Amino acid sequence: MAINATSDDNTFKVRYSERVGMVVVGLGAGDLYMPPVDAATLVDQLTAALDAYTATLKAVA
């Protein structure tokens, strides 16, 4: 599985590497290797942060 995303100045790629048994997040020129459990925790934390951001935008609007 691989997901590619780009913005104006950032590119990141996310994939699962069976060879090392880890989720690999490519950030620019570097790679971040995480066990799947840690990657799942990161997703939960990112979701919570984005939910808080969305709530702030709704409160301001």
PDB file of N, CA and C in Angstrom:
ATOM      1  N   MET A   1       0.848  -1.168   0.000  1.00  0.00           N
ATOM      2  CA  MET A   1       0.000   0.000   0.000  1.00  0.00           C
ATOM      3  C   MET A   1       0.893   1.230   0.000  1.00  0.00           C
ATOM      4  N   ALA A   2       0.569   2.196  -0.810  1.00  0.00           N
ATOM      5  CA  ALA A   2       1.326   3.443  -0.836  1.00  0.00           C
ATOM      6  C   ALA A   2       0.370   4.602  -1.046  1.00  0.00           C
ATOM      7  N   ILE A   3       0.596   5.670  -0.321  1.00  0.00           N
ATOM      8  CA  ILE A   3      -0.210   6.874  -0.453  1.00  0.00           C
ATOM      9  C   ILE A   3       0.749   8.020  -0.712  1.00  0.00           C
ATOM     10  N   ASN A   4       0.496   8.784  -1.752  1.00  0.00           N
ATOM     11  CA  ASN A   4       1.318   9.946  -2.063  1.00  0.00           C
ATOM     12  C   ASN A   4       0.473  11.200  -1.906  1.00  0.00           C
ATOM     13  N   ALA A   5       1.041  12.209  -1.298  1.00  0.00           N
ATOM     14  CA  ALA A   5       0.334  13.474  -1.150  1.00  0.00           C
ATOM     15  C   ALA A   5       1.323  14.612  -1.347  1.00  0.00           C
ATOM     16  N   THR A   6       0.871  15.652  -1.984  1.00  0.00           N
ATOM     17  CA  THR A   6       1.736  16.813  -2.170  1.00  0.00           C
ATOM     18  C   THR A   6       0.972  18.080  -1.821  1.00  0.00           C
ATOM     19  N   SER A   7       1.709  19.032  -1.335  1.00  0.00           N
ATOM     20  CA  SER A   7       1.185  20.381  -1.162  1.00  0.00           C
ATOM     21  C   SER A   7       2.159  21.287  -1.904  1.00  0.00           C
ATOM     22  N   ASP A   8       2.042  22.568  -1.726  1.00  0.00           N
ATOM     23  CA  ASP A   8       2.905  23.492  -2.464  1.00  0.00           C
ATOM     24  C   ASP A   8       4.391  23.245  -2.206  1.00  0.00           C
ATOM     25  N   ASP A   9       4.738  22.904  -0.968  1.00  0.00           N
ATOM     26  CA  ASP A   9       6.163  22.778  -0.652  1.00  0.00           C
ATOM     27  C   ASP A   9       6.543  21.466   0.036  1.00  0.00           C
ATOM     28  N   ASN A  10       5.597  20.561   0.235  1.00  0.00           N
ATOM     29  CA  ASN A  10       5.890  19.317   0.936  1.00  0.00           C
ATOM     30  C   ASN A  10       5.389  18.116   0.151  1.00  0.00           C
ATOM     31  N   THR A  11       6.138  17.059   0.205  1.00  0.00           N
ATOM     32  CA  THR A  11       5.715  15.800  -0.371  1.00  0.00           C
ATOM     33  C   THR A  11       5.936  14.719   0.671  1.00  0.00           C
ATOM     34  N   PHE A  12       4.960  13.860   0.851  1.00  0.00           N
ATOM     35  CA  PHE A  12       5.175  12.719   1.723  1.00  0.00           C
ATOM     36  C   PHE A  12       4.549  11.482   1.098  1.00  0.00           C
ATOM     37  N   LYS A  13       5.183  10.363   1.388  1.00  0.00           N
ATOM     38  CA  LYS A  13       4.715   9.080   0.894  1.00  0.00           C
ATOM     39  C   LYS A  13       4.620   8.128   2.074  1.00  0.00           C
ATOM     40  N   VAL A  14       3.561   7.340   2.112  1.00  0.00           N
ATOM     41  CA  VAL A  14       3.371   6.378   3.194  1.00  0.00           C
ATOM     42  C   VAL A  14       3.200   5.002   2.572  1.00  0.00           C
ATOM     43  N   ARG A  15       3.954   4.034   3.094  1.00  0.00           N
ATOM     44  CA  ARG A  15       3.839   2.671   2.584  1.00  0.00           C
ATOM     45  C   ARG A  15       4.164   1.697   3.696  1.00  0.00           C
ATOM     46  N   TYR A  16       3.731   0.456   3.519  1.00  0.00           N
ATOM     47  CA  TYR A  16       4.099  -0.609   4.437  1.00  0.00           C
ATOM     48  C   TYR A  16       5.189  -1.433   3.785  1.00  0.00           C
ATOM     49  N   SER A  17       6.285  -1.632   4.472  1.00  0.00           N
ATOM     50  CA  SER A  17       7.391  -2.422   3.954  1.00  0.00           C
ATOM     51  C   SER A  17       7.359  -3.800   4.606  1.00  0.00           C
ATOM     52  N   GLU A  18       7.009  -4.808   3.821  1.00  0.00           N
ATOM     53  CA  GLU A  18       7.001  -6.170   4.355  1.00  0.00           C
ATOM     54  C   GLU A  18       8.412  -6.617   4.704  1.00  0.00           C
ATOM     55  N   ARG A  19       9.394  -6.112   3.983  1.00  0.00           N
ATOM     56  CA  ARG A  19      10.789  -6.518   4.208  1.00  0.00           C
ATOM     57  C   ARG A  19      11.229  -6.202   5.634  1.00  0.00           C
ATOM     58  N   VAL A  20      10.849  -5.026   6.152  1.00  0.00           N
ATOM     59  CA  VAL A  20      11.235  -4.645   7.512  1.00  0.00           C
ATOM     60  C   VAL A  20      10.064  -4.713   8.486  1.00  0.00           C
ATOM     61  N   GLY A  21       8.853  -4.973   7.984  1.00  0.00           N
ATOM     62  CA  GLY A  21       7.680  -5.082   8.845  1.00  0.00           C
ATOM     63  C   GLY A  21       7.277  -3.776   9.492  1.00  0.00           C
ATOM     64  N   MET A  22       7.504  -2.676   8.788  1.00  0.00           N
ATOM     65  CA  MET A  22       7.184  -1.367   9.355  1.00  0.00           C
ATOM     66  C   MET A  22       6.495  -0.473   8.344  1.00  0.00           C
ATOM     67  N   VAL A  23       5.803   0.515   8.873  1.00  0.00           N
ATOM     68  CA  VAL A  23       5.227   1.571   8.051  1.00  0.00           C
ATOM     69  C   VAL A  23       6.337   2.580   7.812  1.00  0.00           C
ATOM     70  N   VAL A  24       6.508   2.967   6.567  1.00  0.00           N
ATOM     71  CA  VAL A  24       7.564   3.912   6.209  1.00  0.00           C
ATOM     72  C   VAL A  24       6.906   5.198   5.717  1.00  0.00           C
ATOM     73  N   VAL A  25       7.235   6.300   6.368  1.00  0.00           N
ATOM     74  CA  VAL A  25       6.728   7.608   5.975  1.00  0.00           C
ATOM     75  C   VAL A  25       7.906   8.381   5.384  1.00  0.00           C
ATOM     76  N   GLY A  26       7.830   8.655   4.099  1.00  0.00           N
ATOM     77  CA  GLY A  26       8.865   9.447   3.447  1.00  0.00           C
ATOM     78  C   GLY A  26       8.511  10.913   3.559  1.00  0.00           C
ATOM     79  N   LEU A  27       9.378  11.666   4.213  1.00  0.00           N
ATOM     80  CA  LEU A  27       9.174  13.105   4.401  1.00  0.00           C
ATOM     81  C   LEU A  27      10.318  13.832   3.725  1.00  0.00           C
ATOM     82  N   GLY A  28      10.052  14.365   2.550  1.00  0.00           N
ATOM     83  CA  GLY A  28      11.129  15.031   1.820  1.00  0.00           C
ATOM     84  C   GLY A  28      12.221  14.035   1.490  1.00  0.00           C
ATOM     85  N   ALA A  29      13.448  14.315   1.945  1.00  0.00           N
ATOM     86  CA  ALA A  29      14.581  13.446   1.653  1.00  0.00           C
ATOM     87  C   ALA A  29      14.778  12.355   2.697  1.00  0.00           C
ATOM     88  N   GLY A  30      14.004  12.357   3.788  1.00  0.00           N
ATOM     89  CA  GLY A  30      14.179  11.379   4.866  1.00  0.00           C
ATOM     90  C   GLY A  30      13.020  10.413   4.981  1.00  0.00           C
ATOM     91  N   ASP A  31      13.268   9.318   5.673  1.00  0.00           N
ATOM     92  CA  ASP A  31      12.240   8.313   5.930  1.00  0.00           C
ATOM     93  C   ASP A  31      12.083   8.106   7.429  1.00  0.00           C
ATOM     94  N   LEU A  32      10.842   7.926   7.857  1.00  0.00           N
ATOM     95  CA  LEU A  32      10.525   7.622   9.240  1.00  0.00           C
ATOM     96  C   LEU A  32       9.952   6.215   9.265  1.00  0.00           C
ATOM     97  N   TYR A  33      10.572   5.304  10.013  1.00  0.00           N
ATOM     98  CA  TYR A  33      10.120   3.920  10.120  1.00  0.00           C
ATOM     99  C   TYR A  33       9.394   3.750  11.444  1.00  0.00           C
ATOM    100  N   MET A  34       8.167   3.191  11.381  1.00  0.00           N
ATOM    101  CA  MET A  34       7.376   2.985  12.587  1.00  0.00           C
ATOM    102  C   MET A  34       6.727   1.612  12.563  1.00  0.00           C
ATOM    103  N   PRO A  35       6.703   0.933  13.713  1.00  0.00           N
ATOM    104  CA  PRO A  35       5.916  -0.289  13.780  1.00  0.00           C
ATOM    105  C   PRO A  35       4.441   0.054  13.539  1.00  0.00           C
ATOM    106  N   PRO A  36       3.661  -0.865  12.992  1.00  0.00           N
ATOM    107  CA  PRO A  36       2.253  -0.561  12.715  1.00  0.00           C
ATOM    108  C   PRO A  36       1.474  -0.032  13.922  1.00  0.00           C
ATOM    109  N   VAL A  37       1.771  -0.524  15.112  1.00  0.00           N
ATOM    110  CA  VAL A  37       1.065  -0.040  16.310  1.00  0.00           C
ATOM    111  C   VAL A  37       1.346   1.437  16.531  1.00  0.00           C
ATOM    112  N   ASP A  38       2.600   1.844  16.374  1.00  0.00           N
ATOM    113  CA  ASP A  38       2.937   3.261  16.539  1.00  0.00           C
ATOM    114  C   ASP A  38       2.322   4.109  15.432  1.00  0.00           C
ATOM    115  N   ALA A  39       2.272   3.572  14.227  1.00  0.00           N
ATOM    116  CA  ALA A  39       1.648   4.307  13.122  1.00  0.00           C
ATOM    117  C   ALA A  39       0.163   4.509  13.396  1.00  0.00           C
ATOM    118  N   ALA A  40      -0.496   3.492  13.955  1.00  0.00           N
ATOM    119  CA  ALA A  40      -1.918   3.616  14.290  1.00  0.00           C
ATOM    120  C   ALA A  40      -2.124   4.677  15.374  1.00  0.00           C
ATOM    121  N   THR A  41      -1.229   4.716  16.351  1.00  0.00           N
ATOM    122  CA  THR A  41      -1.305   5.742  17.399  1.00  0.00           C
ATOM    123  C   THR A  41      -1.120   7.128  16.797  1.00  0.00           C
ATOM    124  N   LEU A  42      -0.174   7.244  15.875  1.00  0.00           N
ATOM    125  CA  LEU A  42       0.051   8.521  15.199  1.00  0.00           C
ATOM    126  C   LEU A  42      -1.197   8.967  14.444  1.00  0.00           C
ATOM    127  N   VAL A  43      -1.852   8.041  13.757  1.00  0.00           N
ATOM    128  CA  VAL A  43      -3.082   8.375  13.026  1.00  0.00           C
ATOM    129  C   VAL A  43      -4.146   8.874  13.995  1.00  0.00           C
ATOM    130  N   ASP A  44      -4.297   8.210  15.140  1.00  0.00           N
ATOM    131  CA  ASP A  44      -5.274   8.658  16.139  1.00  0.00           C
ATOM    132  C   ASP A  44      -4.956  10.066  16.638  1.00  0.00           C
ATOM    133  N   GLN A  45      -3.677  10.339  16.876  1.00  0.00           N
ATOM    134  CA  GLN A  45      -3.284  11.655  17.372  1.00  0.00           C
ATOM    135  C   GLN A  45      -3.452  12.735  16.306  1.00  0.00           C
ATOM    136  N   LEU A  46      -3.133  12.400  15.066  1.00  0.00           N
ATOM    137  CA  LEU A  46      -3.347  13.365  13.977  1.00  0.00           C
ATOM    138  C   LEU A  46      -4.827  13.662  13.791  1.00  0.00           C
ATOM    139  N   THR A  47      -5.645  12.627  13.875  1.00  0.00           N
ATOM    140  CA  THR A  47      -7.094  12.821  13.752  1.00  0.00           C
ATOM    141  C   THR A  47      -7.617  13.722  14.866  1.00  0.00           C
ATOM    142  N   ALA A  48      -7.167  13.495  16.087  1.00  0.00           N
ATOM    143  CA  ALA A  48      -7.600  14.332  17.212  1.00  0.00           C
ATOM    144  C   ALA A  48      -7.158  15.785  17.012  1.00  0.00           C
ATOM    145  N   ALA A  49      -5.940  15.986  16.539  1.00  0.00           N
ATOM    146  CA  ALA A  49      -5.452  17.347  16.307  1.00  0.00           C
ATOM    147  C   ALA A  49      -6.256  18.041  15.216  1.00  0.00           C
ATOM    148  N   LEU A  50      -6.566  17.317  14.143  1.00  0.00           N
ATOM    149  CA  LEU A  50      -7.358  17.912  13.060  1.00  0.00           C
ATOM    150  C   LEU A  50      -8.794  18.181  13.504  1.00  0.00           C
ATOM    151  N   ASP A  51      -9.341  17.317  14.357  1.00  0.00           N
ATOM    152  CA  ASP A  51     -10.679  17.568  14.911  1.00  0.00           C
ATOM    153  C   ASP A  51     -10.684  18.839  15.757  1.00  0.00           C
ATOM    154  N   ALA A  52      -9.636  19.036  16.556  1.00  0.00           N
ATOM    155  CA  ALA A  52      -9.539  20.252  17.371  1.00  0.00           C
ATOM    156  C   ALA A  52      -9.408  21.486  16.480  1.00  0.00           C
ATOM    157  N   TYR A  53      -8.637  21.371  15.421  1.00  0.00           N
ATOM    158  CA  TYR A  53      -8.485  22.464  14.473  1.00  0.00           C
ATOM    159  C   TYR A  53      -9.819  22.799  13.813  1.00  0.00           C
ATOM    160  N   THR A  54     -10.551  21.763  13.400  1.00  0.00           N
ATOM    161  CA  THR A  54     -11.864  21.961  12.783  1.00  0.00           C
ATOM    162  C   THR A  54     -12.822  22.636  13.761  1.00  0.00           C
ATOM    163  N   ALA A  55     -12.819  22.210  15.007  1.00  0.00           N
ATOM    164  CA  ALA A  55     -13.685  22.818  16.017  1.00  0.00           C
ATOM    165  C   ALA A  55     -13.350  24.292  16.210  1.00  0.00           C
ATOM    166  N   THR A  56     -12.068  24.620  16.183  1.00  0.00           N
ATOM    167  CA  THR A  56     -11.655  26.022  16.318  1.00  0.00           C
ATOM    168  C   THR A  56     -12.161  26.847  15.140  1.00  0.00           C
ATOM    169  N   LEU A  57     -12.029  26.295  13.926  1.00  0.00           N
ATOM    170  CA  LEU A  57     -12.515  27.024  12.747  1.00  0.00           C
ATOM    171  C   LEU A  57     -14.023  27.235  12.814  1.00  0.00           C
ATOM    172  N   LYS A  58     -14.748  26.234  13.269  1.00  0.00           N
ATOM    173  CA  LYS A  58     -16.213  26.360  13.384  1.00  0.00           C
ATOM    174  C   LYS A  58     -16.598  27.394  14.429  1.00  0.00           C
ATOM    175  N   ALA A  59     -15.823  27.455  15.510  1.00  0.00           N
ATOM    176  CA  ALA A  59     -16.126  28.413  16.566  1.00  0.00           C
ATOM    177  C   ALA A  59     -15.879  29.846  16.094  1.00  0.00           C
ATOM    178  N   VAL A  60     -14.883  30.013  15.262  1.00  0.00           N
ATOM    179  CA  VAL A  60     -14.543  31.349  14.763  1.00  0.00           C
ATOM    180  C   VAL A  60     -15.537  31.808  13.686  1.00  0.00           C
ATOM    181  N   ALA A  61     -16.044  30.855  12.903  1.00  0.00           N
ATOM    182  CA  ALA A  61     -16.914  31.180  11.777  1.00  0.00           C
ATOM    183  C   ALA A  61     -18.259  31.675  12.193  1.00  0.00           C
TER     184      ALA A  61
END
